[in-house]
C-alpha atoms as a PDB file:
ATOM      1  CA  UNK A   1     -42.695  16.549 -16.357  1.00  0.00           C
ATOM      2  CA  UNK A   2     -39.165  17.903 -16.511  1.00  0.00           C
ATOM      3  CA  UNK A   3     -37.127  16.826 -19.510  1.00  0.00           C
ATOM      4  CA  UNK A   4     -33.670  15.551 -18.613  1.00  0.00           C
ATOM      5  CA  UNK A   5     -30.674  16.125 -20.819  1.00  0.00           C
ATOM      6  CA  UNK A   6     -28.693  12.981 -21.541  1.00  0.00           C
ATOM      7  CA  UNK A   7     -25.244  13.161 -23.095  1.00  0.00           C
ATOM      8  CA  UNK A   8     -24.556   9.709 -24.515  1.00  0.00           C
ATOM      9  CA  UNK A   9     -21.175  10.648 -25.980  1.00  0.00           C
ATOM     10  CA  UNK A  10     -20.096  12.102 -22.638  1.00  0.00           C
ATOM     11  CA  UNK A  11     -21.213   8.965 -20.824  1.00  0.00           C
ATOM     12  CA  UNK A  12     -19.199   6.834 -23.260  1.00  0.00           C
ATOM     13  CA  UNK A  13     -16.117   9.004 -22.774  1.00  0.00           C
ATOM     14  CA  UNK A  14     -16.498   8.852 -18.984  1.00  0.00           C
ATOM     15  CA  UNK A  15     -16.714   5.065 -19.246  1.00  0.00           C
ATOM     16  CA  UNK A  16     -13.579   4.964 -21.400  1.00  0.00           C
ATOM     17  CA  UNK A  17     -11.771   7.168 -18.870  1.00  0.00           C
ATOM     18  CA  UNK A  18     -12.836   4.889 -15.999  1.00  0.00           C
ATOM     19  CA  UNK A  19     -11.586   1.846 -17.923  1.00  0.00           C
ATOM     20  CA  UNK A  20      -8.299   3.664 -18.612  1.00  0.00           C
ATOM     21  CA  UNK A  21      -7.784   4.273 -14.902  1.00  0.00           C
ATOM     22  CA  UNK A  22      -8.680   0.662 -14.108  1.00  0.00           C
ATOM     23  CA  UNK A  23      -6.220  -0.641 -16.711  1.00  0.00           C
ATOM     24  CA  UNK A  24      -3.499   1.676 -15.452  1.00  0.00           C
ATOM     25  CA  UNK A  25      -3.841   0.499 -11.860  1.00  0.00           C
ATOM     26  CA  UNK A  26      -4.227  -3.168 -12.725  1.00  0.00           C
ATOM     27  CA  UNK A  27      -1.285  -3.049 -15.122  1.00  0.00           C
ATOM     28  CA  UNK A  28       0.943  -1.891 -12.278  1.00  0.00           C
ATOM     29  CA  UNK A  29       0.143  -4.927 -10.172  1.00  0.00           C
ATOM     30  CA  UNK A  30       0.117  -7.326 -13.147  1.00  0.00           C
ATOM     31  CA  UNK A  31       3.480  -5.994 -14.404  1.00  0.00           C
ATOM     32  CA  UNK A  32       1.978  -5.056 -17.788  1.00  0.00           C
ATOM     33  CA  UNK A  33       2.737  -1.333 -17.766  1.00  0.00           C
ATOM     34  CA  UNK A  34       2.476  -1.206 -21.554  1.00  0.00           C
ATOM     35  CA  UNK A  35      -1.279  -1.777 -21.257  1.00  0.00           C
ATOM     36  CA  UNK A  36      -2.170   1.793 -20.242  1.00  0.00           C
ATOM     37  CA  UNK A  37       1.024   3.793 -19.700  1.00  0.00           C
ATOM     38  CA  UNK A  38      -0.807   7.145 -19.489  1.00  0.00           C
ATOM     39  CA  UNK A  39      -3.968   5.894 -17.822  1.00  0.00           C
ATOM     40  CA  UNK A  40      -3.440   8.255 -14.897  1.00  0.00           C
ATOM     41  CA  UNK A  41      -4.417  11.123 -17.202  1.00  0.00           C
ATOM     42  CA  UNK A  42      -7.886   9.623 -17.473  1.00  0.00           C
ATOM     43  CA  UNK A  43      -8.485  10.570 -13.824  1.00  0.00           C
ATOM     44  CA  UNK A  44      -8.404  14.264 -14.699  1.00  0.00           C
ATOM     45  CA  UNK A  45     -10.617  13.698 -17.727  1.00  0.00           C
ATOM     46  CA  UNK A  46     -13.104  11.721 -15.647  1.00  0.00           C
ATOM     47  CA  UNK A  47     -13.260  14.403 -12.929  1.00  0.00           C
ATOM     48  CA  UNK A  48     -13.787  17.237 -15.405  1.00  0.00           C
ATOM     49  CA  UNK A  49     -16.583  15.361 -17.150  1.00  0.00           C
ATOM     50  CA  UNK A  50     -18.137  14.358 -13.835  1.00  0.00           C
ATOM     51  CA  UNK A  51     -18.114  18.005 -12.774  1.00  0.00           C
ATOM     52  CA  UNK A  52     -20.076  18.837 -15.911  1.00  0.00           C
ATOM     53  CA  UNK A  53     -22.557  16.040 -15.240  1.00  0.00           C
ATOM     54  CA  UNK A  54     -23.044  17.146 -11.611  1.00  0.00           C
ATOM     55  CA  UNK A  55     -23.452  20.784 -12.656  1.00  0.00           C
ATOM     56  CA  UNK A  56     -26.014  19.722 -15.243  1.00  0.00           C
ATOM     57  CA  UNK A  57     -27.900  17.522 -12.778  1.00  0.00           C
ATOM     58  CA  UNK A  58     -27.989  20.120  -9.993  1.00  0.00           C
ATOM     59  CA  UNK A  59     -28.430  23.267 -12.115  1.00  0.00           C
ATOM     60  CA  UNK A  60     -32.065  23.927 -11.202  1.00  0.00           C
ATOM     61  CA  UNK A  61     -31.845  22.574  -7.673  1.00  0.00           C
ATOM     62  CA  UNK A  62     -28.748  24.656  -6.949  1.00  0.00           C
ATOM     63  CA  UNK A  63     -30.708  27.846  -7.520  1.00  0.00           C
ATOM     64  CA  UNK A  64     -33.279  26.750  -4.944  1.00  0.00           C
ATOM     65  CA  UNK A  65     -31.044  25.090  -2.361  1.00  0.00           C
ATOM     66  CA  UNK A  66     -28.078  27.473  -2.279  1.00  0.00           C
ATOM     67  CA  UNK A  67     -24.382  26.684  -2.122  1.00  0.00           C
ATOM     68  CA  UNK A  68     -24.233  25.644   1.559  1.00  0.00           C
ATOM     69  CA  UNK A  69     -27.005  23.059   1.223  1.00  0.00           C
ATOM     70  CA  UNK A  70     -25.556  21.812  -2.072  1.00  0.00           C
ATOM     71  CA  UNK A  71     -22.178  21.248  -0.403  1.00  0.00           C
ATOM     72  CA  UNK A  72     -23.827  19.469   2.524  1.00  0.00           C
ATOM     73  CA  UNK A  73     -25.728  17.136   0.176  1.00  0.00           C
ATOM     74  CA  UNK A  74     -22.563  16.346  -1.802  1.00  0.00           C
ATOM     75  CA  UNK A  75     -20.483  15.732   1.339  1.00  0.00           C
ATOM     76  CA  UNK A  76     -23.117  13.449   2.855  1.00  0.00           C
ATOM     77  CA  UNK A  77     -23.129  11.447  -0.360  1.00  0.00           C
ATOM     78  CA  UNK A  78     -19.343  11.353  -0.784  1.00  0.00           C
ATOM     79  CA  UNK A  79     -17.821  10.886   2.670  1.00  0.00           C
ATOM     80  CA  UNK A  80     -19.123   7.409   3.567  1.00  0.00           C
ATOM     81  CA  UNK A  81     -17.609   5.861   0.433  1.00  0.00           C
ATOM     82  CA  UNK A  82     -14.426   7.880   0.842  1.00  0.00           C
ATOM     83  CA  UNK A  83     -13.856   6.607   4.363  1.00  0.00           C
ATOM     84  CA  UNK A  84     -14.927   3.061   3.469  1.00  0.00           C
ATOM     85  CA  UNK A  85     -12.309   3.051   0.706  1.00  0.00           C
ATOM     86  CA  UNK A  86      -9.767   4.475   3.134  1.00  0.00           C
ATOM     87  CA  UNK A  87     -10.501   1.801   5.702  1.00  0.00           C
ATOM     88  CA  UNK A  88     -10.206  -0.939   3.087  1.00  0.00           C
ATOM     89  CA  UNK A  89      -6.882   0.547   1.954  1.00  0.00           C
ATOM     90  CA  UNK A  90      -5.725   0.770   5.555  1.00  0.00           C
ATOM     91  CA  UNK A  91      -6.654  -2.888   6.084  1.00  0.00           C
ATOM     92  CA  UNK A  92      -4.644  -3.778   2.989  1.00  0.00           C
ATOM     93  CA  UNK A  93      -1.676  -1.798   4.304  1.00  0.00           C
ATOM     94  CA  UNK A  94      -1.845  -3.573   7.667  1.00  0.00           C
ATOM     95  CA  UNK A  95      -1.973  -6.998   6.001  1.00  0.00           C
ATOM     96  CA  UNK A  96       0.964  -6.118   3.758  1.00  0.00           C
ATOM     97  CA  UNK A  97       2.898  -4.779   6.747  1.00  0.00           C
ATOM     98  CA  UNK A  98       2.520  -8.169   8.423  1.00  0.00           C
ATOM     99  CA  UNK A  99       4.274  -9.728   5.428  1.00  0.00           C
ATOM    100  CA  UNK A 100       6.884  -6.933   5.184  1.00  0.00           C
ATOM    101  CA  UNK A 101       5.683  -5.919   1.709  1.00  0.00           C
ATOM    102  CA  UNK A 102       3.736  -2.746   2.526  1.00  0.00           C
ATOM    103  CA  UNK A 103       3.980   0.137   0.097  1.00  0.00           C
ATOM    104  CA  UNK A 104       2.126   2.563   2.391  1.00  0.00           C
ATOM    105  CA  UNK A 105       3.799   4.822   4.917  1.00  0.00           C
ATOM    106  CA  UNK A 106       2.001   6.035   8.034  1.00  0.00           C
ATOM    107  CA  UNK A 107       2.339   9.618   6.739  1.00  0.00           C
ATOM    108  CA  UNK A 108       0.676   8.648   3.466  1.00  0.00           C
ATOM    109  CA  UNK A 109      -2.200   6.913   5.247  1.00  0.00           C
ATOM    110  CA  UNK A 110      -2.718   9.848   7.611  1.00  0.00           C
ATOM    111  CA  UNK A 111      -2.636  12.344   4.752  1.00  0.00           C
ATOM    112  CA  UNK A 112      -5.427  10.442   2.967  1.00  0.00           C
ATOM    113  CA  UNK A 113      -7.873  10.797   5.833  1.00  0.00           C
ATOM    114  CA  UNK A 114      -7.262  14.558   6.012  1.00  0.00           C
ATOM    115  CA  UNK A 115      -7.693  15.077   2.235  1.00  0.00           C
ATOM    116  CA  UNK A 116      -4.007  15.894   1.784  1.00  0.00           C
ATOM    117  CA  UNK A 117      -1.660  14.585  -0.897  1.00  0.00           C
ATOM    118  CA  UNK A 118       0.718  11.909   0.288  1.00  0.00           C
ATOM    119  CA  UNK A 119       4.286  13.074   0.860  1.00  0.00           C
ATOM    120  CA  UNK A 120       6.569  12.177  -2.107  1.00  0.00           C
ATOM    121  CA  UNK A 121       8.336   9.466  -0.097  1.00  0.00           C
ATOM    122  CA  UNK A 122       4.948   7.884   0.624  1.00  0.00           C
ATOM    123  CA  UNK A 123       4.152   7.802  -3.090  1.00  0.00           C
ATOM    124  CA  UNK A 124       7.167   5.704  -3.930  1.00  0.00           C
ATOM    125  CA  UNK A 125       8.906   8.652  -5.610  1.00  0.00           C
ATOM    126  CA  UNK A 126      12.666   8.666  -5.558  1.00  0.00           C
ATOM    127  CA  UNK A 127      14.265  11.130  -3.205  1.00  0.00           C
ATOM    128  CA  UNK A 128      15.966  14.242  -4.531  1.00  0.00           C
ATOM    129  CA  UNK A 129      19.341  12.782  -3.499  1.00  0.00           C
ATOM    130  CA  UNK A 130      18.703   9.711  -5.647  1.00  0.00           C
ATOM    131  CA  UNK A 131      17.697  11.919  -8.592  1.00  0.00           C
ATOM    132  CA  UNK A 132      20.876  14.011  -8.199  1.00  0.00           C
ATOM    133  CA  UNK A 133      23.027  10.844  -8.146  1.00  0.00           C
ATOM    134  CA  UNK A 134      21.338   9.383 -11.221  1.00  0.00           C
ATOM    135  CA  UNK A 135      21.749  12.665 -13.145  1.00  0.00           C
ATOM    136  CA  UNK A 136      25.508  12.739 -12.479  1.00  0.00           C
END
């Protein structure tokens, strides 16, 4: 029987990072930005640690299956949830558009489904003209 390596400290840190992201996003909608002002940084931490966990889990199998099959297995596992989340977000955007409170632009929604970053205007970032005016 193959012995699995379990990293309890890493699992705890991944959990803390996930909670940080959750607090950051919920604090935006609850108007409690003081709760996790740098929670967005936990996303990077979570992804790096998850990459380690995936590499550890697939280390032996990757040698046997090759890179192409590994990528196919990961994509098959990832894409359904990615598109489900996108469809739920799109439904939210449509509902908010009906009440004239949408924070999603069509360009931002389209970019999501093609794995592209949303344009700055779609992210709610101030335009460069606004930044120039505020600096003066």
